[in-house]
């Protein structure tokens, strides 16, 4: 019987897996096991965290254009479930109901630039 192995357990908060060798470790620019350069991985993770925080702050302050811009960039960087939901909320509050529904339905969107104004 061909069974796939169970997925590896998620690393503890504040840790991640090296994309090269799979070692669990704290955030670092170099893998503790294989010595792979992880600086781009760390930078992408930091940027993702910044964009998510910025988007949420813009939503709280009712700065919808800025929130949509941050959510769009976040989703382009890491199109995971969290980024998709955040982009859908930003699109919904921006008045783009069809795009919000498409995102939540898992459909690919050709997202226009946010800079053109409200409701585009």
C-alpha atoms as a PDB file:
ATOM      1  CA  UNK A   1       0.000   0.000   0.000  1.00  0.00           C
ATOM      2  CA  UNK A   2       1.221   3.454  -0.869  1.00  0.00           C
ATOM      3  CA  UNK A   3       0.650   5.731   2.079  1.00  0.00           C
ATOM      4  CA  UNK A   4       2.004   9.198   2.333  1.00  0.00           C
ATOM      5  CA  UNK A   5       3.878   9.867   5.543  1.00  0.00           C
ATOM      6  CA  UNK A   6       2.112  12.153   7.979  1.00  0.00           C
ATOM      7  CA  UNK A   7       3.047  15.808   7.655  1.00  0.00           C
ATOM      8  CA  UNK A   8       5.904  16.956   9.830  1.00  0.00           C
ATOM      9  CA  UNK A   9       4.780  18.768  12.956  1.00  0.00           C
ATOM     10  CA  UNK A  10       4.811  22.514  12.714  1.00  0.00           C
ATOM     11  CA  UNK A  11       7.754  24.260  14.354  1.00  0.00           C
ATOM     12  CA  UNK A  12       7.144  26.012  17.644  1.00  0.00           C
ATOM     13  CA  UNK A  13       6.281  29.733  17.519  1.00  0.00           C
ATOM     14  CA  UNK A  14       9.432  31.716  16.849  1.00  0.00           C
ATOM     15  CA  UNK A  15      10.942  28.829  14.906  1.00  0.00           C
ATOM     16  CA  UNK A  16      10.869  27.644  11.324  1.00  0.00           C
ATOM     17  CA  UNK A  17      12.155  24.829   9.138  1.00  0.00           C
ATOM     18  CA  UNK A  18      15.148  25.256   6.870  1.00  0.00           C
ATOM     19  CA  UNK A  19      13.792  24.951   3.307  1.00  0.00           C
ATOM     20  CA  UNK A  20      16.929  23.041   2.271  1.00  0.00           C
ATOM     21  CA  UNK A  21      17.401  20.377   4.956  1.00  0.00           C
ATOM     22  CA  UNK A  22      14.228  20.690   7.067  1.00  0.00           C
ATOM     23  CA  UNK A  23      15.983  21.392  10.367  1.00  0.00           C
ATOM     24  CA  UNK A  24      13.836  23.123  12.965  1.00  0.00           C
ATOM     25  CA  UNK A  25      15.521  26.187  14.363  1.00  0.00           C
ATOM     26  CA  UNK A  26      15.086  29.705  15.643  1.00  0.00           C
ATOM     27  CA  UNK A  27      15.030  32.462  13.037  1.00  0.00           C
ATOM     28  CA  UNK A  28      18.598  32.892  11.820  1.00  0.00           C
ATOM     29  CA  UNK A  29      20.359  33.975   8.640  1.00  0.00           C
ATOM     30  CA  UNK A  30      22.243  30.644   8.470  1.00  0.00           C
ATOM     31  CA  UNK A  31      20.908  27.125   8.992  1.00  0.00           C
ATOM     32  CA  UNK A  32      22.370  25.487  12.081  1.00  0.00           C
ATOM     33  CA  UNK A  33      22.581  22.103  10.308  1.00  0.00           C
ATOM     34  CA  UNK A  34      23.436  22.624   6.635  1.00  0.00           C
ATOM     35  CA  UNK A  35      24.785  26.189   6.840  1.00  0.00           C
ATOM     36  CA  UNK A  36      22.466  27.302   4.024  1.00  0.00           C
ATOM     37  CA  UNK A  37      22.063  31.072   3.619  1.00  0.00           C
ATOM     38  CA  UNK A  38      18.574  31.848   4.937  1.00  0.00           C
ATOM     39  CA  UNK A  39      18.782  35.639   4.804  1.00  0.00           C
ATOM     40  CA  UNK A  40      16.165  35.927   2.027  1.00  0.00           C
ATOM     41  CA  UNK A  41      13.816  33.590   3.888  1.00  0.00           C
ATOM     42  CA  UNK A  42      14.195  35.646   7.054  1.00  0.00           C
ATOM     43  CA  UNK A  43      13.718  38.910   5.119  1.00  0.00           C
ATOM     44  CA  UNK A  44      10.550  37.574   3.452  1.00  0.00           C
ATOM     45  CA  UNK A  45       9.165  36.506   6.826  1.00  0.00           C
ATOM     46  CA  UNK A  46       9.876  39.949   8.307  1.00  0.00           C
ATOM     47  CA  UNK A  47       8.293  41.680   5.317  1.00  0.00           C
ATOM     48  CA  UNK A  48       5.219  39.470   5.609  1.00  0.00           C
ATOM     49  CA  UNK A  49       4.865  40.345   9.281  1.00  0.00           C
ATOM     50  CA  UNK A  50       5.276  44.066   8.546  1.00  0.00           C
ATOM     51  CA  UNK A  51       2.694  44.015   5.758  1.00  0.00           C
ATOM     52  CA  UNK A  52       0.163  42.112   7.866  1.00  0.00           C
ATOM     53  CA  UNK A  53       0.589  44.485  10.808  1.00  0.00           C
ATOM     54  CA  UNK A  54       0.388  47.517   8.509  1.00  0.00           C
ATOM     55  CA  UNK A  55      -2.755  46.238   6.797  1.00  0.00           C
ATOM     56  CA  UNK A  56      -4.521  45.609  10.111  1.00  0.00           C
ATOM     57  CA  UNK A  57      -3.529  49.062  11.398  1.00  0.00           C
ATOM     58  CA  UNK A  58      -4.856  50.694   8.215  1.00  0.00           C
ATOM     59  CA  UNK A  59      -8.119  48.762   8.522  1.00  0.00           C
ATOM     60  CA  UNK A  60      -8.524  49.881  12.150  1.00  0.00           C
ATOM     61  CA  UNK A  61      -7.887  53.498  11.113  1.00  0.00           C
ATOM     62  CA  UNK A  62     -10.350  53.238   8.181  1.00  0.00           C
ATOM     63  CA  UNK A  63      -7.590  53.914   5.613  1.00  0.00           C
ATOM     64  CA  UNK A  64      -9.034  51.507   3.079  1.00  0.00           C
ATOM     65  CA  UNK A  65      -6.793  52.361   0.110  1.00  0.00           C
ATOM     66  CA  UNK A  66      -3.655  51.848   2.200  1.00  0.00           C
ATOM     67  CA  UNK A  67      -5.076  48.652   3.720  1.00  0.00           C
ATOM     68  CA  UNK A  68      -5.873  47.251   0.281  1.00  0.00           C
ATOM     69  CA  UNK A  69      -2.406  48.122  -0.966  1.00  0.00           C
ATOM     70  CA  UNK A  70      -0.747  46.349   1.978  1.00  0.00           C
ATOM     71  CA  UNK A  71      -3.073  43.328   1.682  1.00  0.00           C
ATOM     72  CA  UNK A  72      -2.393  43.042  -2.056  1.00  0.00           C
ATOM     73  CA  UNK A  73       1.364  43.114  -1.496  1.00  0.00           C
ATOM     74  CA  UNK A  74       1.051  40.608   1.362  1.00  0.00           C
ATOM     75  CA  UNK A  75      -0.984  38.218  -0.798  1.00  0.00           C
ATOM     76  CA  UNK A  76       1.536  38.531  -3.649  1.00  0.00           C
ATOM     77  CA  UNK A  77       4.353  37.669  -1.231  1.00  0.00           C
ATOM     78  CA  UNK A  78       2.616  34.775   0.547  1.00  0.00           C
ATOM     79  CA  UNK A  79      -0.739  33.710  -0.924  1.00  0.00           C
ATOM     80  CA  UNK A  80      -1.636  31.579   2.108  1.00  0.00           C
ATOM     81  CA  UNK A  81      -5.059  31.334   3.777  1.00  0.00           C
ATOM     82  CA  UNK A  82      -4.365  34.198   6.185  1.00  0.00           C
ATOM     83  CA  UNK A  83      -3.242  36.585   3.432  1.00  0.00           C
ATOM     84  CA  UNK A  84      -6.177  35.548   1.242  1.00  0.00           C
ATOM     85  CA  UNK A  85      -8.698  36.268   4.011  1.00  0.00           C
ATOM     86  CA  UNK A  86      -7.084  39.618   4.759  1.00  0.00           C
ATOM     87  CA  UNK A  87      -7.133  40.589   1.088  1.00  0.00           C
ATOM     88  CA  UNK A  88     -10.768  39.497   0.814  1.00  0.00           C
ATOM     89  CA  UNK A  89     -11.705  41.673   3.816  1.00  0.00           C
ATOM     90  CA  UNK A  90      -9.816  44.637   2.362  1.00  0.00           C
ATOM     91  CA  UNK A  91     -11.503  44.130  -1.016  1.00  0.00           C
ATOM     92  CA  UNK A  92     -14.911  43.813   0.651  1.00  0.00           C
ATOM     93  CA  UNK A  93     -14.474  47.002   2.671  1.00  0.00           C
ATOM     94  CA  UNK A  94     -13.133  48.726  -0.436  1.00  0.00           C
ATOM     95  CA  UNK A  95     -16.388  47.901  -2.204  1.00  0.00           C
ATOM     96  CA  UNK A  96     -15.053  45.228  -4.553  1.00  0.00           C
ATOM     97  CA  UNK A  97     -17.526  42.521  -3.542  1.00  0.00           C
ATOM     98  CA  UNK A  98     -17.017  40.285  -6.577  1.00  0.00           C
ATOM     99  CA  UNK A  99     -13.244  40.118  -6.047  1.00  0.00           C
ATOM    100  CA  UNK A 100     -13.731  39.369  -2.344  1.00  0.00           C
ATOM    101  CA  UNK A 101     -16.050  36.468  -3.170  1.00  0.00           C
ATOM    102  CA  UNK A 102     -13.709  35.158  -5.854  1.00  0.00           C
ATOM    103  CA  UNK A 103     -10.808  35.172  -3.405  1.00  0.00           C
ATOM    104  CA  UNK A 104     -12.782  33.285  -0.790  1.00  0.00           C
ATOM    105  CA  UNK A 105     -13.961  30.796  -3.413  1.00  0.00           C
ATOM    106  CA  UNK A 106     -10.332  30.109  -4.308  1.00  0.00           C
ATOM    107  CA  UNK A 107     -10.484  31.584  -7.785  1.00  0.00           C
ATOM    108  CA  UNK A 108      -7.451  33.317  -9.270  1.00  0.00           C
ATOM    109  CA  UNK A 109      -7.835  37.053  -9.713  1.00  0.00           C
ATOM    110  CA  UNK A 110      -6.188  39.462 -12.068  1.00  0.00           C
ATOM    111  CA  UNK A 111      -5.936  42.177  -9.433  1.00  0.00           C
ATOM    112  CA  UNK A 112      -5.676  45.700 -10.845  1.00  0.00           C
ATOM    113  CA  UNK A 113      -3.480  48.299  -9.237  1.00  0.00           C
ATOM    114  CA  UNK A 114      -4.908  49.800  -6.063  1.00  0.00           C
ATOM    115  CA  UNK A 115      -3.466  53.255  -6.749  1.00  0.00           C
ATOM    116  CA  UNK A 116      -6.202  54.157  -9.244  1.00  0.00           C
ATOM    117  CA  UNK A 117      -8.675  55.007  -6.506  1.00  0.00           C
ATOM    118  CA  UNK A 118     -11.534  53.732  -4.368  1.00  0.00           C
ATOM    119  CA  UNK A 119     -13.709  50.971  -5.774  1.00  0.00           C
ATOM    120  CA  UNK A 120     -11.617  49.952  -8.758  1.00  0.00           C
END
